[in-house]
Amino acid sequence: MGQQSGLELAVAHLNASVGPVLTTGQLAAALRAGSTRNLPVPPAAAALISSLFAELPPDLILRCTVDAAADVRRVNGLYLEALADALPPVRAWEASVEHFL
């Protein structure tokens, strides 16, 4: 069995308590776009994407960023969107990307 991608690991973790709500394609698209607002993502999947920064360690999120061929600045935009939607600040994420921004 091959090694799972970061996207597969992240989606498996985020879906663990709710069932198959989020797909790797939806997460990758949101990471590339830096937002879920203009994507065809169901509200439940968008909520899971918003929880990404609180639920996963920064190194896995950065691995997902690479797997999705996304830009760290856009991914941080997704984080800022989640903050605007009431996610509390996640200092571990902020510290891990401050040198990219």
N, C-alpha and C. Protein backbone atom coordinates (compact mmCIF):
# COMPACT_ATOMS: atom_id res chain seq x y z
N MET A 1 0.85 -1.18 0.00
CA MET A 1 0.00 0.00 0.00
C MET A 1 0.89 1.24 0.00
N GLY A 2 0.61 2.21 -0.88
CA GLY A 2 1.40 3.42 -0.98
C GLY A 2 1.09 4.40 0.14
N GLN A 3 1.98 5.38 0.27
CA GLN A 3 1.81 6.41 1.28
C GLN A 3 0.65 7.33 0.90
N GLN A 4 -0.17 7.68 1.89
CA GLN A 4 -1.28 8.57 1.63
C GLN A 4 -0.77 9.99 1.40
N SER A 5 -1.47 10.73 0.56
CA SER A 5 -1.12 12.13 0.36
C SER A 5 -1.57 12.93 1.59
N GLY A 6 -1.03 14.10 1.72
CA GLY A 6 -1.46 14.98 2.80
C GLY A 6 -2.95 15.28 2.71
N LEU A 7 -3.43 15.46 1.48
CA LEU A 7 -4.86 15.73 1.29
C LEU A 7 -5.72 14.58 1.79
N GLU A 8 -5.30 13.35 1.48
CA GLU A 8 -6.06 12.18 1.93
C GLU A 8 -6.05 12.08 3.45
N LEU A 9 -4.91 12.32 4.07
CA LEU A 9 -4.83 12.28 5.53
C LEU A 9 -5.70 13.35 6.16
N ALA A 10 -5.63 14.57 5.62
CA ALA A 10 -6.41 15.68 6.17
C ALA A 10 -7.91 15.41 6.04
N VAL A 11 -8.34 14.97 4.88
CA VAL A 11 -9.77 14.71 4.65
C VAL A 11 -10.25 13.57 5.54
N ALA A 12 -9.45 12.54 5.68
CA ALA A 12 -9.83 11.43 6.56
C ALA A 12 -10.02 11.92 7.99
N HIS A 13 -9.12 12.75 8.45
CA HIS A 13 -9.23 13.29 9.82
C HIS A 13 -10.46 14.18 9.97
N LEU A 14 -10.64 15.10 9.02
CA LEU A 14 -11.76 16.03 9.12
C LEU A 14 -13.11 15.33 9.00
N ASN A 15 -13.18 14.27 8.20
CA ASN A 15 -14.42 13.52 8.03
C ASN A 15 -14.68 12.50 9.15
N ALA A 16 -13.69 12.25 9.99
CA ALA A 16 -13.77 11.15 10.96
C ALA A 16 -15.04 11.16 11.80
N SER A 17 -15.46 12.31 12.26
CA SER A 17 -16.62 12.35 13.16
C SER A 17 -17.95 12.56 12.44
N VAL A 18 -17.90 12.86 11.13
CA VAL A 18 -19.15 13.19 10.43
C VAL A 18 -19.46 12.31 9.23
N GLY A 19 -18.52 11.47 8.84
CA GLY A 19 -18.73 10.66 7.65
C GLY A 19 -18.18 11.36 6.42
N PRO A 20 -18.41 10.79 5.24
CA PRO A 20 -17.80 11.30 4.01
C PRO A 20 -18.45 12.59 3.49
N VAL A 21 -18.10 13.70 4.11
CA VAL A 21 -18.67 14.99 3.75
C VAL A 21 -17.75 15.75 2.80
N LEU A 22 -16.45 15.74 3.10
CA LEU A 22 -15.46 16.51 2.36
C LEU A 22 -14.64 15.58 1.48
N THR A 23 -14.33 16.03 0.26
CA THR A 23 -13.49 15.26 -0.65
C THR A 23 -12.11 15.92 -0.77
N THR A 24 -11.14 15.16 -1.23
CA THR A 24 -9.81 15.72 -1.44
C THR A 24 -9.85 16.81 -2.52
N GLY A 25 -10.70 16.62 -3.52
CA GLY A 25 -10.83 17.63 -4.57
C GLY A 25 -11.37 18.95 -4.05
N GLN A 26 -12.34 18.88 -3.15
CA GLN A 26 -12.90 20.11 -2.57
C GLN A 26 -11.86 20.82 -1.72
N LEU A 27 -11.12 20.05 -0.91
CA LEU A 27 -10.09 20.67 -0.08
C LEU A 27 -9.00 21.28 -0.96
N ALA A 28 -8.54 20.57 -1.97
CA ALA A 28 -7.51 21.10 -2.86
C ALA A 28 -7.97 22.38 -3.56
N ALA A 29 -9.21 22.40 -4.03
CA ALA A 29 -9.74 23.59 -4.70
C ALA A 29 -9.79 24.78 -3.75
N ALA A 30 -10.21 24.55 -2.52
CA ALA A 30 -10.28 25.63 -1.53
C ALA A 30 -8.89 26.15 -1.19
N LEU A 31 -7.91 25.25 -1.06
CA LEU A 31 -6.55 25.68 -0.79
C LEU A 31 -6.00 26.52 -1.94
N ARG A 32 -6.26 26.11 -3.18
CA ARG A 32 -5.78 26.87 -4.34
C ARG A 32 -6.48 28.21 -4.45
N ALA A 33 -7.79 28.25 -4.15
CA ALA A 33 -8.57 29.48 -4.29
C ALA A 33 -8.36 30.43 -3.11
N GLY A 34 -7.99 29.88 -1.95
CA GLY A 34 -7.87 30.71 -0.75
C GLY A 34 -9.21 31.09 -0.18
N SER A 35 -10.24 30.33 -0.55
CA SER A 35 -11.60 30.64 -0.12
C SER A 35 -12.51 29.47 -0.46
N THR A 36 -13.63 29.40 0.24
CA THR A 36 -14.67 28.45 -0.15
C THR A 36 -15.87 29.18 -0.74
N ARG A 37 -15.87 30.49 -0.68
CA ARG A 37 -17.06 31.29 -1.02
C ARG A 37 -17.54 31.11 -2.46
N ASN A 38 -16.64 31.02 -3.41
CA ASN A 38 -17.05 30.94 -4.82
C ASN A 38 -16.84 29.55 -5.41
N LEU A 39 -16.78 28.55 -4.55
CA LEU A 39 -16.61 27.17 -5.01
C LEU A 39 -17.90 26.39 -4.81
N PRO A 40 -18.13 25.38 -5.63
CA PRO A 40 -19.32 24.54 -5.45
C PRO A 40 -19.11 23.53 -4.32
N VAL A 41 -18.99 24.06 -3.10
CA VAL A 41 -18.73 23.23 -1.92
C VAL A 41 -19.96 23.31 -1.02
N PRO A 42 -20.55 22.17 -0.66
CA PRO A 42 -21.70 22.19 0.24
C PRO A 42 -21.33 22.83 1.58
N PRO A 43 -22.30 23.44 2.27
CA PRO A 43 -22.02 24.11 3.55
C PRO A 43 -21.30 23.22 4.57
N ALA A 44 -21.66 21.96 4.66
CA ALA A 44 -21.01 21.08 5.63
C ALA A 44 -19.53 20.88 5.29
N ALA A 45 -19.21 20.75 4.02
CA ALA A 45 -17.82 20.61 3.61
C ALA A 45 -17.06 21.92 3.85
N ALA A 46 -17.69 23.05 3.57
CA ALA A 46 -17.06 24.36 3.82
C ALA A 46 -16.75 24.53 5.31
N ALA A 47 -17.64 24.06 6.17
CA ALA A 47 -17.41 24.15 7.61
C ALA A 47 -16.21 23.30 8.01
N LEU A 48 -16.07 22.13 7.42
CA LEU A 48 -14.91 21.29 7.72
C LEU A 48 -13.62 21.96 7.25
N ILE A 49 -13.67 22.58 6.08
CA ILE A 49 -12.50 23.29 5.56
C ILE A 49 -12.13 24.43 6.50
N SER A 50 -13.11 25.14 7.02
CA SER A 50 -12.85 26.23 7.97
C SER A 50 -12.19 25.73 9.24
N SER A 51 -12.48 24.50 9.62
CA SER A 51 -11.91 23.95 10.85
C SER A 51 -10.50 23.40 10.65
N LEU A 52 -10.05 23.35 9.42
CA LEU A 52 -8.75 22.78 9.07
C LEU A 52 -7.62 23.28 9.95
N PHE A 53 -7.56 24.59 10.17
CA PHE A 53 -6.43 25.19 10.88
C PHE A 53 -6.43 24.87 12.37
N ALA A 54 -7.60 24.67 12.94
CA ALA A 54 -7.71 24.30 14.35
C ALA A 54 -7.54 22.80 14.56
N GLU A 55 -7.88 22.02 13.55
CA GLU A 55 -7.90 20.56 13.68
C GLU A 55 -6.60 19.85 13.30
N LEU A 56 -5.82 20.48 12.42
CA LEU A 56 -4.63 19.80 11.89
C LEU A 56 -3.36 20.58 12.21
N PRO A 57 -2.25 19.88 12.36
CA PRO A 57 -0.99 20.58 12.60
C PRO A 57 -0.53 21.32 11.35
N PRO A 58 0.15 22.44 11.54
CA PRO A 58 0.60 23.24 10.39
C PRO A 58 1.40 22.44 9.37
N ASP A 59 2.24 21.50 9.82
CA ASP A 59 3.05 20.76 8.84
C ASP A 59 2.18 19.92 7.91
N LEU A 60 1.06 19.41 8.40
CA LEU A 60 0.16 18.66 7.51
C LEU A 60 -0.57 19.61 6.57
N ILE A 61 -0.96 20.77 7.05
CA ILE A 61 -1.62 21.76 6.17
C ILE A 61 -0.64 22.20 5.07
N LEU A 62 0.62 22.39 5.43
CA LEU A 62 1.61 22.78 4.42
C LEU A 62 1.86 21.64 3.44
N ARG A 63 1.81 20.40 3.91
CA ARG A 63 1.92 19.25 3.01
C ARG A 63 0.74 19.23 2.04
N CYS A 64 -0.45 19.54 2.55
CA CYS A 64 -1.64 19.63 1.69
C CYS A 64 -1.47 20.75 0.66
N THR A 65 -0.87 21.85 1.08
CA THR A 65 -0.62 22.98 0.19
C THR A 65 0.23 22.54 -0.99
N VAL A 66 1.27 21.79 -0.71
CA VAL A 66 2.15 21.27 -1.77
C VAL A 66 1.38 20.28 -2.65
N ASP A 67 0.66 19.35 -2.01
CA ASP A 67 -0.11 18.34 -2.76
C ASP A 67 -1.14 18.98 -3.69
N ALA A 68 -1.71 20.10 -3.25
CA ALA A 68 -2.74 20.78 -4.04
C ALA A 68 -2.16 21.77 -5.04
N ALA A 69 -0.83 21.93 -5.04
CA ALA A 69 -0.16 22.92 -5.88
C ALA A 69 -0.73 24.31 -5.61
N ALA A 70 -0.90 24.61 -4.32
CA ALA A 70 -1.45 25.89 -3.88
C ALA A 70 -0.33 26.80 -3.39
N ASP A 71 -0.62 28.06 -3.30
CA ASP A 71 0.31 29.06 -2.80
C ASP A 71 0.03 29.29 -1.32
N VAL A 72 1.06 29.38 -0.51
CA VAL A 72 0.89 29.57 0.94
C VAL A 72 0.11 30.85 1.24
N ARG A 73 0.30 31.89 0.45
CA ARG A 73 -0.44 33.13 0.69
C ARG A 73 -1.94 32.92 0.48
N ARG A 74 -2.29 32.13 -0.51
CA ARG A 74 -3.73 31.83 -0.73
C ARG A 74 -4.27 30.98 0.41
N VAL A 75 -3.49 30.01 0.84
CA VAL A 75 -3.93 29.15 1.95
C VAL A 75 -4.12 30.01 3.19
N ASN A 76 -3.23 30.97 3.40
CA ASN A 76 -3.42 31.88 4.53
C ASN A 76 -4.67 32.72 4.35
N GLY A 77 -5.02 33.03 3.12
CA GLY A 77 -6.29 33.71 2.85
C GLY A 77 -7.48 32.87 3.30
N LEU A 78 -7.38 31.57 3.10
CA LEU A 78 -8.42 30.65 3.58
C LEU A 78 -8.48 30.70 5.11
N TYR A 79 -7.33 30.76 5.75
CA TYR A 79 -7.27 30.91 7.21
C TYR A 79 -7.95 32.21 7.64
N LEU A 80 -7.63 33.31 6.97
CA LEU A 80 -8.23 34.61 7.31
C LEU A 80 -9.75 34.58 7.11
N GLU A 81 -10.19 33.89 6.07
CA GLU A 81 -11.63 33.72 5.86
C GLU A 81 -12.26 32.96 7.03
N ALA A 82 -11.58 31.90 7.49
CA ALA A 82 -12.08 31.13 8.63
C ALA A 82 -12.12 31.99 9.89
N LEU A 83 -11.11 32.85 10.08
CA LEU A 83 -11.13 33.76 11.23
C LEU A 83 -12.34 34.68 11.17
N ALA A 84 -12.63 35.20 9.99
CA ALA A 84 -13.79 36.08 9.82
C ALA A 84 -15.09 35.35 10.11
N ASP A 85 -15.08 34.03 9.92
CA ASP A 85 -16.27 33.21 10.19
C ASP A 85 -16.27 32.66 11.62
N ALA A 86 -15.46 33.25 12.50
CA ALA A 86 -15.47 32.94 13.94
C ALA A 86 -14.48 31.88 14.40
N LEU A 87 -13.58 31.41 13.55
CA LEU A 87 -12.53 30.52 14.04
C LEU A 87 -11.63 31.33 14.95
N PRO A 88 -11.32 30.82 16.15
CA PRO A 88 -10.37 31.55 17.00
C PRO A 88 -8.98 31.52 16.38
N PRO A 89 -8.15 32.50 16.67
CA PRO A 89 -6.79 32.50 16.11
C PRO A 89 -6.04 31.21 16.46
N VAL A 90 -5.28 30.73 15.49
CA VAL A 90 -4.49 29.52 15.67
C VAL A 90 -3.02 29.94 15.58
N ARG A 91 -2.41 30.15 16.74
CA ARG A 91 -1.04 30.67 16.80
C ARG A 91 -0.04 29.74 16.11
N ALA A 92 -0.25 28.45 16.20
CA ALA A 92 0.69 27.51 15.56
C ALA A 92 0.71 27.74 14.05
N TRP A 93 -0.46 27.93 13.43
CA TRP A 93 -0.51 28.21 12.00
C TRP A 93 0.16 29.54 11.69
N GLU A 94 -0.20 30.57 12.45
CA GLU A 94 0.35 31.90 12.21
C GLU A 94 1.88 31.89 12.30
N ALA A 95 2.42 31.20 13.30
CA ALA A 95 3.88 31.14 13.46
C ALA A 95 4.52 30.36 12.32
N SER A 96 3.84 29.36 11.81
CA SER A 96 4.44 28.51 10.77
C SER A 96 4.50 29.19 9.41
N VAL A 97 3.66 30.19 9.19
CA VAL A 97 3.65 30.85 7.87
C VAL A 97 4.13 32.28 7.88
N GLU A 98 4.46 32.81 9.05
CA GLU A 98 4.82 34.24 9.10
C GLU A 98 6.00 34.58 8.19
N HIS A 99 6.94 33.67 8.00
CA HIS A 99 8.09 33.95 7.13
C HIS A 99 7.74 33.87 5.64
N PHE A 100 6.57 33.31 5.30
CA PHE A 100 6.11 33.27 3.90
C PHE A 100 5.37 34.54 3.50
N LEU A 101 4.84 35.25 4.49
CA LEU A 101 3.92 36.36 4.20
C LEU A 101 4.61 37.71 4.17
